[in-house]
Amino acid sequence: MSKSGYSVLQFQRDDKAGRVVKNIFKIEIKKMLKSKGFLISIILGIVIVLLHTRWVYVNLYVPNQELLEVKLQSQEYGVLDDWFECGILLGWLGNDGFSLYNALFYFVFPIISVIPYGMSLYNDMNSGYISSVLAKCSRKDYLVSKYVVTFISGGIVVAAPLILSIMTAACYLPAVGIDLLAMKGGSNTALWHGLFYEHPVLYAVCFTVLNFIYGGIFALICVTVSKWFANRFMAAIFPFILNNYTTKGLGNVFDEMLRYTPGYFINSSLNVNITMASVMIITVVVLGLTTFIYYINYRKLETLE
């Protein structure tokens, strides 16, 4: 065969392989979006956001406006010196340091991340579905598609509530940084502290992206370790247990290490003293280790029953 003929044949094979990968990816995306777990996680996130929004409006915004009216009516000199304007971050779930809703959201964060698709590979193997899939595509194509879609699913369901929260807060709060006189302010050594005061919306976007990444990582951890457990429930709660062990276990024993635990620094309300470089290194290491174990666990996937 001539070189030109071989090149054409190779191109056709690559093109066919590319279409197969796209089809598998589309199928996985549709399965994820139509899953009950995805709907449950989205609804749970929305409920937390709505309850949080109501709490902030009733307990922070309304009293603050009433105080402003009282002070303006007094007509005394410097009457507004001890009054602060409620900025948009005061009503954002990701930065709430007043109510219990921020703590609740980050407590269930690993669970919300896992519910949509974290157990999908486990279910595929135990239902026999994986056999029919591997008859149509390679192990690599399937695992890559499963990896990417699982990551996306975990990221979406934790980022969506944070996006909804900043949108609802924008309906009644101005897009200004939190006043220094406010009861809750950012630390000058906290992650993206400059944006906290000057560009609050961009600050919220940065933390939302960070939460998206770790939502995806928690989902990947679940799908990675699901091979180790005969009980699907144990596999599903493993990321939750791991998160609590690192933040409340190791973090409390080694105080200086607490700031480097993902379950701690992804919550902007905690004002963690950590650099962006440290966050990037930790994220790369955690994602890299998870990916490596995922590969080791499933590199012989076609031999599994």
Foldseek 3Di string as FASTA:
>chain_A
DDPVVVVVVVVVVVVVQVVLLVVLLVVLLVLLVPDPLLVVLQVVLQVLLVVLQVCCCVPPVVVLVVQVVVLVVVPDPPSCVLHWADALLCQFLLQPPDDCSVVVLLLCLLLSLARRQLCVVVCCQVVVVVLVSCVRHPLVSNLVSSLVSSLQSQLCSSLVSRVVRSVSSVVPHHNAATDPSDPAAADPQFEPNVCRGHPVVVVSVVLSVLSSRVRSLSSLQLNLCCVVDPDSVCSSCVSSVVLCCVQVNVCVVPVVCNLLRSSQNSRRNNNRRDYPVSVVVSSCVSSVVSVVSSCVSCVVVNPRD
